[in-house]
Amino acid sequence: MRRSALVVRGGWEGHDPVPTTDLFIPRLEELGFDVTVEDALEVYADEDTMDRTDLVVQAWTNGEILADELAGLRRAVEAGTGLAGWHGGLLDSFRGATDFHHLVGGQFVAHPGDLIDHEIRVVPDRAEHPVLEGLEPTLALRSEQYWVQTDAADDVLVETTHAVREGQPWSEPVTVPVVWTRQWGAGRVFACTVGHSVETLADPWVFRVIEQGMVWAARDGEGGAG
């Protein structure tokens, strides 16, 4: 039986919401999803559509979300619809909507140094999680290294460390999540801070972790909640 995926994309164009989601839509279809694309947030307030949706993939940086749209998204996830996304499309959405941050489990606050060389690492005791299947334990990147604020309900799978650097105000290395999953009511949330550009998302490691994260988050997907 095919499942349904809803791709919601828009907001700030600097994160290329159309090209980045177009990268994943064919793979979702190959994985057995019927994909619908929406360029507006009103769909979140459509209860019938959301009830039929097994996975929401959001790529919407910044912007504003109306109360009924946010309530509809939260209700759907709590009832079992999966939510997945990457970088600013999920983690820098709707800066004033704290109920959305509560749902996702984290919020972007900075990327010190802009595009920099850094490493992301699988958390050793989470290496067997289905989202991480087949992935090497580390990946070197030159991209934005997100600094995020998160909460203890997240199951952190991958992390990165912001080094002490001249001219920056922190005096000790700071480790933050890169990939996490989250059980929210009957639904699952998958978040990945990596994904600033199509080029970054096309990296085989990054593409695979997001692919597996979307499948994990979708209603009736394989894998556990942590």
N, C-alpha and C. Protein backbone atom coordinates (compact mmCIF):
# COMPACT_ATOMS: atom_id res chain seq x y z
N MET A 1 0.84 -1.20 0.00
CA MET A 1 0.00 0.00 0.00
C MET A 1 0.88 1.25 0.00
N ARG A 2 0.61 2.17 -0.93
CA ARG A 2 1.39 3.38 -1.01
C ARG A 2 0.97 4.36 0.09
N ARG A 3 1.96 5.11 0.57
CA ARG A 3 1.68 6.12 1.58
C ARG A 3 1.69 7.50 0.94
N SER A 4 1.22 8.49 1.68
CA SER A 4 1.10 9.84 1.14
C SER A 4 2.12 10.75 1.81
N ALA A 5 2.79 11.54 1.00
CA ALA A 5 3.73 12.54 1.49
C ALA A 5 3.30 13.91 0.98
N LEU A 6 3.33 14.87 1.88
CA LEU A 6 2.99 16.25 1.56
C LEU A 6 4.24 17.10 1.70
N VAL A 7 4.70 17.68 0.61
CA VAL A 7 5.87 18.55 0.62
C VAL A 7 5.37 20.00 0.65
N VAL A 8 5.71 20.71 1.72
CA VAL A 8 5.27 22.09 1.88
C VAL A 8 6.52 22.97 1.79
N ARG A 9 6.58 23.84 0.78
CA ARG A 9 7.81 24.56 0.53
C ARG A 9 7.53 26.03 0.20
N GLY A 10 8.44 26.87 0.67
CA GLY A 10 8.29 28.30 0.43
C GLY A 10 9.17 29.08 1.39
N GLY A 11 8.75 30.30 1.73
CA GLY A 11 9.54 31.12 2.62
C GLY A 11 10.73 31.74 1.91
N TRP A 12 11.78 31.99 2.68
CA TRP A 12 12.98 32.65 2.17
C TRP A 12 13.61 31.84 1.04
N GLU A 13 13.86 32.50 -0.08
CA GLU A 13 14.36 31.79 -1.26
C GLU A 13 15.85 31.43 -1.15
N GLY A 14 16.55 32.01 -0.17
CA GLY A 14 17.98 31.74 -0.04
C GLY A 14 18.32 30.29 0.23
N HIS A 15 17.34 29.52 0.73
CA HIS A 15 17.57 28.10 0.97
C HIS A 15 16.98 27.22 -0.15
N ASP A 16 16.62 27.86 -1.26
CA ASP A 16 16.20 27.12 -2.47
C ASP A 16 15.14 26.06 -2.16
N PRO A 17 13.98 26.46 -1.64
CA PRO A 17 12.99 25.46 -1.26
C PRO A 17 12.52 24.55 -2.38
N VAL A 18 12.47 25.09 -3.61
CA VAL A 18 12.02 24.24 -4.72
C VAL A 18 13.13 23.28 -5.17
N PRO A 19 14.33 23.76 -5.50
CA PRO A 19 15.37 22.80 -5.93
C PRO A 19 15.73 21.77 -4.86
N THR A 20 15.73 22.17 -3.60
CA THR A 20 16.12 21.20 -2.56
C THR A 20 15.07 20.12 -2.38
N THR A 21 13.81 20.49 -2.39
CA THR A 21 12.78 19.45 -2.26
C THR A 21 12.66 18.62 -3.54
N ASP A 22 12.90 19.25 -4.69
CA ASP A 22 12.88 18.48 -5.94
C ASP A 22 13.95 17.39 -5.94
N LEU A 23 14.98 17.57 -5.16
CA LEU A 23 16.02 16.56 -5.06
C LEU A 23 15.48 15.27 -4.43
N PHE A 24 14.54 15.41 -3.50
CA PHE A 24 14.05 14.25 -2.75
C PHE A 24 12.74 13.68 -3.25
N ILE A 25 11.96 14.47 -3.98
CA ILE A 25 10.64 13.99 -4.40
C ILE A 25 10.72 12.71 -5.23
N PRO A 26 11.61 12.59 -6.22
CA PRO A 26 11.67 11.32 -6.96
C PRO A 26 12.00 10.14 -6.08
N ARG A 27 12.86 10.35 -5.09
CA ARG A 27 13.21 9.24 -4.20
C ARG A 27 12.03 8.84 -3.34
N LEU A 28 11.27 9.81 -2.86
CA LEU A 28 10.07 9.49 -2.10
C LEU A 28 9.11 8.65 -2.94
N GLU A 29 8.96 9.02 -4.20
CA GLU A 29 8.07 8.25 -5.08
C GLU A 29 8.61 6.84 -5.27
N GLU A 30 9.92 6.69 -5.42
CA GLU A 30 10.51 5.36 -5.54
C GLU A 30 10.28 4.53 -4.28
N LEU A 31 10.22 5.19 -3.15
CA LEU A 31 10.04 4.50 -1.87
C LEU A 31 8.57 4.19 -1.57
N GLY A 32 7.69 4.50 -2.49
CA GLY A 32 6.29 4.11 -2.33
C GLY A 32 5.38 5.20 -1.81
N PHE A 33 5.77 6.47 -1.93
CA PHE A 33 4.92 7.57 -1.50
C PHE A 33 4.27 8.23 -2.71
N ASP A 34 3.00 8.57 -2.56
CA ASP A 34 2.34 9.47 -3.48
C ASP A 34 2.58 10.88 -2.94
N VAL A 35 3.23 11.72 -3.74
CA VAL A 35 3.71 13.02 -3.26
C VAL A 35 2.82 14.14 -3.78
N THR A 36 2.39 14.99 -2.87
CA THR A 36 1.68 16.21 -3.19
C THR A 36 2.54 17.39 -2.76
N VAL A 37 2.63 18.42 -3.60
CA VAL A 37 3.44 19.60 -3.30
C VAL A 37 2.52 20.79 -3.09
N GLU A 38 2.75 21.52 -2.00
CA GLU A 38 2.00 22.74 -1.72
C GLU A 38 2.97 23.89 -1.53
N ASP A 39 2.63 25.04 -2.11
CA ASP A 39 3.45 26.24 -1.99
C ASP A 39 2.84 27.25 -1.04
N ALA A 40 1.91 26.81 -0.20
CA ALA A 40 1.27 27.67 0.79
C ALA A 40 1.01 26.85 2.05
N LEU A 41 0.94 27.55 3.18
CA LEU A 41 0.77 26.89 4.47
C LEU A 41 -0.68 26.57 4.80
N GLU A 42 -1.62 27.06 4.00
CA GLU A 42 -3.04 26.84 4.30
C GLU A 42 -3.39 25.37 4.41
N VAL A 43 -2.64 24.53 3.72
CA VAL A 43 -2.95 23.10 3.73
C VAL A 43 -2.92 22.53 5.14
N TYR A 44 -2.09 23.11 6.02
CA TYR A 44 -2.02 22.60 7.39
C TYR A 44 -3.35 22.72 8.12
N ALA A 45 -4.18 23.67 7.72
CA ALA A 45 -5.48 23.87 8.37
C ALA A 45 -6.58 23.00 7.76
N ASP A 46 -6.25 22.24 6.72
CA ASP A 46 -7.22 21.37 6.05
C ASP A 46 -7.19 20.01 6.74
N GLU A 47 -8.14 19.81 7.62
CA GLU A 47 -8.12 18.61 8.48
C GLU A 47 -8.21 17.33 7.67
N ASP A 48 -9.04 17.30 6.64
CA ASP A 48 -9.19 16.08 5.84
C ASP A 48 -7.88 15.71 5.16
N THR A 49 -7.22 16.70 4.57
CA THR A 49 -5.94 16.44 3.90
C THR A 49 -4.90 15.96 4.89
N MET A 50 -4.80 16.63 6.02
CA MET A 50 -3.79 16.26 7.00
C MET A 50 -4.05 14.87 7.58
N ASP A 51 -5.31 14.51 7.74
CA ASP A 51 -5.63 13.17 8.24
C ASP A 51 -5.19 12.08 7.28
N ARG A 52 -5.15 12.39 5.98
CA ARG A 52 -4.76 11.41 4.97
C ARG A 52 -3.26 11.41 4.72
N THR A 53 -2.54 12.31 5.35
CA THR A 53 -1.11 12.48 5.08
C THR A 53 -0.28 11.67 6.06
N ASP A 54 0.60 10.84 5.53
CA ASP A 54 1.47 10.01 6.37
C ASP A 54 2.78 10.71 6.71
N LEU A 55 3.20 11.66 5.88
CA LEU A 55 4.46 12.36 6.10
C LEU A 55 4.37 13.77 5.56
N VAL A 56 4.76 14.74 6.38
CA VAL A 56 4.94 16.12 5.93
C VAL A 56 6.44 16.38 5.84
N VAL A 57 6.89 16.85 4.68
CA VAL A 57 8.26 17.33 4.51
C VAL A 57 8.19 18.83 4.34
N GLN A 58 8.72 19.56 5.30
CA GLN A 58 8.61 21.01 5.26
C GLN A 58 9.95 21.65 4.90
N ALA A 59 9.91 22.58 3.94
CA ALA A 59 11.07 23.39 3.57
C ALA A 59 10.60 24.84 3.49
N TRP A 60 10.51 25.50 4.64
CA TRP A 60 9.93 26.84 4.72
C TRP A 60 10.74 27.66 5.72
N THR A 61 11.75 28.37 5.24
CA THR A 61 12.60 29.17 6.10
C THR A 61 11.93 30.51 6.41
N ASN A 62 11.99 30.90 7.69
CA ASN A 62 11.40 32.16 8.16
C ASN A 62 9.90 32.18 7.87
N GLY A 63 9.35 33.32 7.59
CA GLY A 63 7.93 33.42 7.32
C GLY A 63 7.10 33.42 8.59
N GLU A 64 5.80 33.46 8.40
CA GLU A 64 4.85 33.45 9.50
C GLU A 64 3.80 32.39 9.23
N ILE A 65 3.32 31.78 10.29
CA ILE A 65 2.28 30.76 10.19
C ILE A 65 1.09 31.22 11.01
N LEU A 66 -0.11 31.07 10.44
CA LEU A 66 -1.32 31.47 11.14
C LEU A 66 -1.68 30.45 12.22
N ALA A 67 -2.46 30.91 13.18
CA ALA A 67 -2.79 30.06 14.33
C ALA A 67 -3.49 28.77 13.91
N ASP A 68 -4.43 28.87 12.95
CA ASP A 68 -5.15 27.66 12.55
C ASP A 68 -4.27 26.71 11.76
N GLU A 69 -3.29 27.25 11.03
CA GLU A 69 -2.35 26.40 10.30
C GLU A 69 -1.45 25.64 11.26
N LEU A 70 -0.92 26.33 12.25
CA LEU A 70 -0.05 25.68 13.23
C LEU A 70 -0.84 24.67 14.05
N ALA A 71 -2.04 25.02 14.44
CA ALA A 71 -2.86 24.08 15.21
C ALA A 71 -3.15 22.83 14.40
N GLY A 72 -3.39 23.00 13.09
CA GLY A 72 -3.65 21.84 12.24
C GLY A 72 -2.45 20.94 12.09
N LEU A 73 -1.26 21.53 11.96
CA LEU A 73 -0.05 20.73 11.87
C LEU A 73 0.20 19.98 13.16
N ARG A 74 0.10 20.67 14.28
CA ARG A 74 0.32 20.01 15.57
C ARG A 74 -0.68 18.88 15.79
N ARG A 75 -1.94 19.12 15.48
CA ARG A 75 -2.96 18.09 15.67
C ARG A 75 -2.64 16.86 14.82
N ALA A 76 -2.22 17.09 13.57
CA ALA A 76 -1.93 15.97 12.68
C ALA A 76 -0.75 15.15 13.18
N VAL A 77 0.32 15.82 13.61
CA VAL A 77 1.48 15.08 14.11
C VAL A 77 1.11 14.30 15.38
N GLU A 78 0.41 14.93 16.26
CA GLU A 78 0.01 14.25 17.49
C GLU A 78 -0.85 13.03 17.20
N ALA A 79 -1.57 13.06 16.06
CA ALA A 79 -2.43 11.93 15.69
C ALA A 79 -1.71 10.88 14.86
N GLY A 80 -0.45 11.14 14.46
CA GLY A 80 0.31 10.11 13.76
C GLY A 80 1.00 10.51 12.48
N THR A 81 0.72 11.69 11.95
CA THR A 81 1.42 12.15 10.75
C THR A 81 2.88 12.46 11.08
N GLY A 82 3.80 11.98 10.26
CA GLY A 82 5.21 12.27 10.47
C GLY A 82 5.58 13.65 9.97
N LEU A 83 6.61 14.23 10.57
CA LEU A 83 7.13 15.54 10.15
C LEU A 83 8.63 15.43 9.99
N ALA A 84 9.15 15.88 8.86
CA ALA A 84 10.59 15.79 8.60
C ALA A 84 11.05 17.03 7.86
N GLY A 85 12.33 17.36 8.06
CA GLY A 85 12.90 18.49 7.33
C GLY A 85 14.35 18.69 7.69
N TRP A 86 14.94 19.69 7.04
CA TRP A 86 16.37 19.92 7.22
C TRP A 86 16.64 21.42 7.27
N HIS A 87 17.73 21.75 7.90
CA HIS A 87 18.31 23.10 7.90
C HIS A 87 17.22 24.14 8.21
N GLY A 88 17.31 25.31 7.59
CA GLY A 88 16.38 26.37 7.92
C GLY A 88 14.95 26.09 7.54
N GLY A 89 14.73 25.13 6.64
CA GLY A 89 13.38 24.81 6.21
C GLY A 89 12.52 24.20 7.30
N LEU A 90 13.15 23.67 8.33
CA LEU A 90 12.42 23.16 9.49
C LEU A 90 12.87 23.85 10.77
N LEU A 91 14.16 24.20 10.84
CA LEU A 91 14.74 24.66 12.10
C LEU A 91 14.89 26.17 12.19
N ASP A 92 14.54 26.89 11.13
CA ASP A 92 14.47 28.35 11.20
C ASP A 92 13.16 28.83 10.58
N SER A 93 12.12 28.06 10.83
CA SER A 93 10.78 28.42 10.37
C SER A 93 10.04 29.20 11.45
N PHE A 94 9.31 30.22 11.04
CA PHE A 94 8.32 30.85 11.92
C PHE A 94 8.94 31.24 13.27
N ARG A 95 9.89 32.15 13.24
CA ARG A 95 10.67 32.47 14.44
C ARG A 95 9.82 32.89 15.63
N GLY A 96 8.66 33.46 15.37
CA GLY A 96 7.82 33.89 16.48
C GLY A 96 6.86 32.84 16.99
N ALA A 97 6.86 31.65 16.38
CA ALA A 97 5.86 30.63 16.70
C ALA A 97 6.46 29.59 17.65
N THR A 98 6.42 29.87 18.93
CA THR A 98 7.05 28.97 19.90
C THR A 98 6.38 27.60 19.94
N ASP A 99 5.09 27.52 19.62
CA ASP A 99 4.43 26.21 19.58
C ASP A 99 5.01 25.33 18.48
N PHE A 100 5.46 25.95 17.40
CA PHE A 100 6.13 25.18 16.34
C PHE A 100 7.47 24.67 16.83
N HIS A 101 8.25 25.51 17.50
CA HIS A 101 9.55 25.08 18.04
C HIS A 101 9.36 23.95 19.04
N HIS A 102 8.30 24.04 19.82
CA HIS A 102 7.98 22.99 20.80
C HIS A 102 7.75 21.66 20.10
N LEU A 103 7.04 21.69 18.97
CA LEU A 103 6.77 20.49 18.19
C LEU A 103 8.05 19.89 17.62
N VAL A 104 8.89 20.74 17.04
CA VAL A 104 10.08 20.26 16.34
C VAL A 104 11.18 19.84 17.30
N GLY A 105 11.25 20.50 18.45
CA GLY A 105 12.27 20.13 19.43
C GLY A 105 13.57 20.89 19.32
N GLY A 106 13.62 21.93 18.48
CA GLY A 106 14.85 22.71 18.35
C GLY A 106 14.65 23.92 17.49
N GLN A 107 15.57 24.87 17.62
CA GLN A 107 15.50 26.10 16.85
C GLN A 107 16.91 26.60 16.56
N PHE A 108 17.14 26.97 15.31
CA PHE A 108 18.39 27.60 14.90
C PHE A 108 18.58 28.93 15.63
N VAL A 109 19.81 29.18 16.09
CA VAL A 109 20.11 30.49 16.66
C VAL A 109 21.32 31.16 16.02
N ALA A 110 22.23 30.38 15.40
CA ALA A 110 23.43 30.98 14.79
C ALA A 110 24.15 29.95 13.93
N HIS A 111 24.98 30.47 13.00
CA HIS A 111 25.97 29.61 12.32
C HIS A 111 27.28 30.39 12.30
N PRO A 112 27.99 30.38 13.43
CA PRO A 112 29.21 31.20 13.56
C PRO A 112 30.24 30.89 12.47
N GLY A 113 30.76 31.94 11.89
CA GLY A 113 31.78 31.77 10.86
C GLY A 113 31.25 31.52 9.47
N ASP A 114 29.91 31.45 9.33
CA ASP A 114 29.27 31.24 8.04
C ASP A 114 29.66 29.87 7.47
N LEU A 115 30.27 29.80 6.29
CA LEU A 115 30.65 28.52 5.69
C LEU A 115 32.03 28.12 6.20
N ILE A 116 32.08 27.05 6.98
CA ILE A 116 33.35 26.64 7.60
C ILE A 116 33.54 25.13 7.48
N ASP A 117 34.79 24.71 7.60
CA ASP A 117 35.10 23.28 7.67
C ASP A 117 34.77 22.78 9.07
N HIS A 118 34.02 21.68 9.14
CA HIS A 118 33.70 21.09 10.43
C HIS A 118 33.32 19.63 10.23
N GLU A 119 33.16 18.94 11.33
CA GLU A 119 32.84 17.50 11.31
C GLU A 119 31.54 17.26 12.05
N ILE A 120 30.75 16.35 11.53
CA ILE A 120 29.59 15.86 12.27
C ILE A 120 29.84 14.40 12.61
N ARG A 121 29.32 13.95 13.78
CA ARG A 121 29.66 12.63 14.32
C ARG A 121 28.40 11.90 14.78
N VAL A 122 28.31 10.64 14.44
CA VAL A 122 27.26 9.79 14.98
C VAL A 122 27.50 9.60 16.47
N VAL A 123 26.45 9.75 17.26
CA VAL A 123 26.54 9.46 18.69
C VAL A 123 26.73 7.95 18.84
N PRO A 124 27.83 7.49 19.46
CA PRO A 124 28.15 6.06 19.42
C PRO A 124 27.03 5.14 19.88
N ASP A 125 26.34 5.48 20.96
CA ASP A 125 25.33 4.54 21.46
C ASP A 125 24.00 4.63 20.70
N ARG A 126 23.95 5.47 19.64
CA ARG A 126 22.75 5.54 18.79
C ARG A 126 23.04 5.01 17.39
N ALA A 127 24.22 4.43 17.19
CA ALA A 127 24.64 4.02 15.85
C ALA A 127 23.74 2.96 15.21
N GLU A 128 23.00 2.23 16.00
CA GLU A 128 22.13 1.19 15.46
C GLU A 128 20.74 1.69 15.10
N HIS A 129 20.47 2.96 15.31
CA HIS A 129 19.16 3.51 14.97
C HIS A 129 18.92 3.37 13.47
N PRO A 130 17.72 3.02 13.03
CA PRO A 130 17.46 2.82 11.60
C PRO A 130 17.73 4.04 10.74
N VAL A 131 17.64 5.22 11.28
CA VAL A 131 17.95 6.42 10.50
C VAL A 131 19.42 6.45 10.08
N LEU A 132 20.28 5.78 10.84
CA LEU A 132 21.73 5.81 10.60
C LEU A 132 22.25 4.58 9.87
N GLU A 133 21.36 3.72 9.43
CA GLU A 133 21.79 2.47 8.79
C GLU A 133 22.71 2.74 7.61
N GLY A 134 23.86 2.06 7.60
CA GLY A 134 24.79 2.12 6.48
C GLY A 134 25.66 3.36 6.41
N LEU A 135 25.61 4.21 7.42
CA LEU A 135 26.36 5.47 7.39
C LEU A 135 27.67 5.36 8.15
N GLU A 136 28.69 6.01 7.63
CA GLU A 136 29.96 6.10 8.34
C GLU A 136 29.80 6.95 9.60
N PRO A 137 30.66 6.75 10.60
CA PRO A 137 30.46 7.45 11.88
C PRO A 137 30.76 8.93 11.85
N THR A 138 31.50 9.41 10.86
CA THR A 138 31.81 10.83 10.79
C THR A 138 31.68 11.32 9.35
N LEU A 139 31.47 12.62 9.21
CA LEU A 139 31.43 13.25 7.90
C LEU A 139 32.05 14.63 8.02
N ALA A 140 32.99 14.93 7.13
CA ALA A 140 33.59 16.26 7.06
C ALA A 140 32.81 17.11 6.07
N LEU A 141 32.49 18.34 6.47
CA LEU A 141 31.70 19.24 5.65
C LEU A 141 32.35 20.62 5.58
N ARG A 142 32.09 21.30 4.50
CA ARG A 142 32.31 22.75 4.47
C ARG A 142 30.96 23.38 4.15
N SER A 143 30.34 23.88 5.17
CA SER A 143 29.00 24.41 5.04
C SER A 143 28.68 25.21 6.31
N GLU A 144 27.45 25.63 6.46
CA GLU A 144 27.05 26.26 7.70
C GLU A 144 27.01 25.22 8.82
N GLN A 145 27.60 25.54 9.93
CA GLN A 145 27.55 24.68 11.11
C GLN A 145 26.52 25.28 12.07
N TYR A 146 25.34 24.70 12.06
CA TYR A 146 24.26 25.27 12.86
C TYR A 146 24.51 25.13 14.35
N TRP A 147 24.22 26.20 15.05
CA TRP A 147 24.13 26.19 16.51
C TRP A 147 22.64 26.20 16.81
N VAL A 148 22.14 25.15 17.46
CA VAL A 148 20.72 25.04 17.74
C VAL A 148 20.48 24.91 19.23
N GLN A 149 19.32 25.35 19.64
CA GLN A 149 18.86 25.15 21.02
C GLN A 149 17.77 24.10 20.98
N THR A 150 17.93 23.05 21.78
CA THR A 150 17.05 21.90 21.72
C THR A 150 16.58 21.52 23.13
N ASP A 151 15.78 20.47 23.22
CA ASP A 151 15.30 20.04 24.53
C ASP A 151 15.52 18.55 24.74
N ALA A 152 15.28 18.11 25.95
CA ALA A 152 15.64 16.75 26.37
C ALA A 152 14.74 15.67 25.80
N ALA A 153 13.65 16.03 25.14
CA ALA A 153 12.79 15.03 24.53
C ALA A 153 13.33 14.53 23.19
N ASP A 154 14.37 15.17 22.69
CA ASP A 154 14.99 14.73 21.43
C ASP A 154 15.88 13.52 21.66
N ASP A 155 15.85 12.60 20.71
CA ASP A 155 16.80 11.49 20.67
C ASP A 155 17.90 11.90 19.69
N VAL A 156 19.02 12.37 20.22
CA VAL A 156 20.09 12.92 19.38
C VAL A 156 20.90 11.78 18.78
N LEU A 157 20.98 11.78 17.44
CA LEU A 157 21.67 10.72 16.72
C LEU A 157 23.04 11.16 16.19
N VAL A 158 23.15 12.43 15.84
CA VAL A 158 24.39 12.98 15.27
C VAL A 158 24.62 14.33 15.92
N GLU A 159 25.89 14.66 16.16
CA GLU A 159 26.21 15.92 16.82
C GLU A 159 27.43 16.56 16.18
N THR A 160 27.69 17.80 16.53
CA THR A 160 28.87 18.53 16.08
C THR A 160 29.35 19.42 17.20
N THR A 161 30.62 19.80 17.15
CA THR A 161 31.19 20.64 18.19
C THR A 161 31.69 21.94 17.60
N HIS A 162 31.24 23.03 18.15
CA HIS A 162 31.74 24.35 17.79
C HIS A 162 33.02 24.60 18.58
N ALA A 163 34.12 24.73 17.85
CA ALA A 163 35.41 24.93 18.50
C ALA A 163 35.52 26.36 19.04
N VAL A 164 36.40 26.51 20.00
CA VAL A 164 36.74 27.85 20.47
C VAL A 164 37.54 28.55 19.37
N ARG A 165 37.12 29.74 18.99
CA ARG A 165 37.79 30.47 17.91
C ARG A 165 38.00 31.92 18.32
N GLU A 166 39.08 32.47 17.86
CA GLU A 166 39.39 33.86 18.18
C GLU A 166 38.26 34.77 17.70
N GLY A 167 37.88 35.69 18.56
CA GLY A 167 36.85 36.63 18.21
C GLY A 167 35.44 36.17 18.54
N GLN A 168 35.30 34.92 19.03
CA GLN A 168 33.99 34.41 19.42
C GLN A 168 33.86 34.42 20.94
N PRO A 169 32.66 34.59 21.47
CA PRO A 169 32.51 34.84 22.91
C PRO A 169 32.49 33.62 23.81
N TRP A 170 32.46 32.38 23.25
CA TRP A 170 32.43 31.22 24.14
C TRP A 170 33.87 30.74 24.39
N SER A 171 34.11 30.25 25.59
CA SER A 171 35.48 29.91 26.01
C SER A 171 35.75 28.42 26.08
N GLU A 172 34.73 27.59 25.85
CA GLU A 172 34.88 26.14 25.83
C GLU A 172 34.19 25.60 24.59
N PRO A 173 34.65 24.46 24.05
CA PRO A 173 33.94 23.86 22.92
C PRO A 173 32.48 23.59 23.28
N VAL A 174 31.59 23.78 22.33
CA VAL A 174 30.15 23.60 22.56
C VAL A 174 29.63 22.57 21.58
N THR A 175 29.10 21.47 22.10
CA THR A 175 28.55 20.40 21.27
C THR A 175 27.04 20.54 21.18
N VAL A 176 26.52 20.47 19.96
CA VAL A 176 25.08 20.62 19.72
C VAL A 176 24.60 19.51 18.80
N PRO A 177 23.30 19.21 18.83
CA PRO A 177 22.75 18.20 17.93
C PRO A 177 22.80 18.61 16.47
N VAL A 178 22.94 17.61 15.61
CA VAL A 178 22.85 17.79 14.16
C VAL A 178 21.64 17.04 13.60
N VAL A 179 21.44 15.82 14.04
CA VAL A 179 20.29 15.00 13.63
C VAL A 179 19.61 14.49 14.88
N TRP A 180 18.30 14.64 14.93
CA TRP A 180 17.56 14.04 16.04
C TRP A 180 16.20 13.55 15.57
N THR A 181 15.65 12.64 16.36
CA THR A 181 14.28 12.18 16.17
C THR A 181 13.51 12.51 17.43
N ARG A 182 12.20 12.42 17.30
CA ARG A 182 11.36 12.87 18.40
C ARG A 182 9.99 12.21 18.27
N GLN A 183 9.52 11.62 19.32
CA GLN A 183 8.16 11.10 19.35
C GLN A 183 7.26 12.19 19.91
N TRP A 184 6.19 12.51 19.18
CA TRP A 184 5.29 13.59 19.59
C TRP A 184 3.86 13.09 19.47
N GLY A 185 3.30 12.65 20.60
CA GLY A 185 2.03 11.97 20.54
C GLY A 185 2.19 10.68 19.76
N ALA A 186 1.32 10.45 18.80
CA ALA A 186 1.43 9.26 17.96
C ALA A 186 2.34 9.48 16.76
N GLY A 187 2.83 10.70 16.58
CA GLY A 187 3.65 11.02 15.42
C GLY A 187 5.13 11.07 15.73
N ARG A 188 5.91 11.08 14.66
CA ARG A 188 7.37 11.14 14.77
C ARG A 188 7.90 12.36 14.04
N VAL A 189 8.94 12.93 14.58
CA VAL A 189 9.60 14.09 13.98
C VAL A 189 11.05 13.72 13.69
N PHE A 190 11.52 14.09 12.51
CA PHE A 190 12.93 13.93 12.14
C PHE A 190 13.47 15.28 11.74
N ALA A 191 14.62 15.66 12.31
CA ALA A 191 15.23 16.95 12.02
C ALA A 191 16.71 16.77 11.73
N CYS A 192 17.20 17.50 10.73
CA CYS A 192 18.61 17.49 10.36
C CYS A 192 19.06 18.92 10.12
N THR A 193 20.08 19.38 10.84
CA THR A 193 20.52 20.76 10.68
C THR A 193 21.29 20.99 9.40
N VAL A 194 21.85 19.95 8.81
CA VAL A 194 22.63 20.06 7.58
C VAL A 194 21.68 20.21 6.39
N GLY A 195 22.06 21.04 5.40
CA GLY A 195 21.25 21.15 4.21
C GLY A 195 21.14 22.55 3.66
N HIS A 196 22.22 23.31 3.75
CA HIS A 196 22.20 24.71 3.33
C HIS A 196 21.98 24.88 1.83
N SER A 197 22.40 23.91 1.04
CA SER A 197 22.32 24.05 -0.42
C SER A 197 22.02 22.70 -1.06
N VAL A 198 21.65 22.73 -2.33
CA VAL A 198 21.44 21.49 -3.07
C VAL A 198 22.72 20.66 -3.07
N GLU A 199 23.85 21.33 -3.24
CA GLU A 199 25.13 20.61 -3.25
C GLU A 199 25.35 19.85 -1.95
N THR A 200 25.08 20.50 -0.82
CA THR A 200 25.26 19.83 0.47
C THR A 200 24.29 18.66 0.61
N LEU A 201 23.04 18.87 0.23
CA LEU A 201 22.04 17.82 0.36
C LEU A 201 22.33 16.64 -0.56
N ALA A 202 23.01 16.89 -1.66
CA ALA A 202 23.33 15.81 -2.61
C ALA A 202 24.50 14.95 -2.15
N ASP A 203 25.23 15.39 -1.13
CA ASP A 203 26.27 14.53 -0.58
C ASP A 203 25.64 13.18 -0.20
N PRO A 204 26.23 12.06 -0.59
CA PRO A 204 25.59 10.76 -0.35
C PRO A 204 25.25 10.49 1.11
N TRP A 205 26.12 10.91 2.02
CA TRP A 205 25.85 10.71 3.46
C TRP A 205 24.63 11.51 3.88
N VAL A 206 24.61 12.78 3.49
CA VAL A 206 23.52 13.67 3.89
C VAL A 206 22.21 13.21 3.25
N PHE A 207 22.26 12.89 1.97
CA PHE A 207 21.05 12.44 1.28
C PHE A 207 20.48 11.19 1.95
N ARG A 208 21.36 10.27 2.31
CA ARG A 208 20.88 9.01 2.88
C ARG A 208 20.27 9.21 4.26
N VAL A 209 20.90 10.04 5.10
CA VAL A 209 20.34 10.21 6.44
C VAL A 209 18.97 10.89 6.36
N ILE A 210 18.80 11.82 5.43
CA ILE A 210 17.50 12.47 5.29
C ILE A 210 16.47 11.51 4.70
N GLU A 211 16.89 10.75 3.69
CA GLU A 211 15.98 9.74 3.12
C GLU A 211 15.50 8.78 4.21
N GLN A 212 16.42 8.25 4.99
CA GLN A 212 16.05 7.29 6.02
C GLN A 212 15.27 7.96 7.15
N GLY A 213 15.56 9.24 7.40
CA GLY A 213 14.80 9.96 8.40
C GLY A 213 13.36 10.18 7.99
N MET A 214 13.14 10.49 6.72
CA MET A 214 11.77 10.68 6.24
C MET A 214 10.98 9.38 6.33
N VAL A 215 11.59 8.28 5.92
CA VAL A 215 10.91 6.99 5.99
C VAL A 215 10.60 6.63 7.44
N TRP A 216 11.56 6.88 8.33
CA TRP A 216 11.34 6.59 9.75
C TRP A 216 10.19 7.40 10.32
N ALA A 217 10.11 8.67 9.93
CA ALA A 217 9.09 9.55 10.51
C ALA A 217 7.69 9.24 9.99
N ALA A 218 7.58 8.74 8.78
CA ALA A 218 6.28 8.55 8.17
C ALA A 218 5.43 7.56 8.95
N ARG A 219 4.16 7.80 8.98
CA ARG A 219 3.23 6.89 9.64
C ARG A 219 3.40 5.48 9.09
N ASP A 220 3.50 4.51 10.00
CA ASP A 220 3.68 3.10 9.64
C ASP A 220 5.04 2.82 9.03
N GLY A 221 5.99 3.72 9.22
CA GLY A 221 7.34 3.47 8.74
C GLY A 221 8.06 2.48 9.63
N GLU A 222 9.16 1.94 9.12
CA GLU A 222 9.96 1.01 9.89
C GLU A 222 10.82 1.76 10.91
N GLY A 223 11.22 1.04 11.94
CA GLY A 223 12.10 1.63 12.95
C GLY A 223 11.32 2.08 14.15
N GLY A 224 12.04 2.28 15.23
CA GLY A 224 11.39 2.68 16.47
C GLY A 224 11.58 4.15 16.73
N ALA A 225 11.07 4.55 17.86
CA ALA A 225 11.15 5.95 18.26
C ALA A 225 12.39 6.23 19.08
N GLY A 226 13.27 5.29 19.15
CA GLY A 226 14.52 5.61 19.84
C GLY A 226 14.99 4.56 20.77
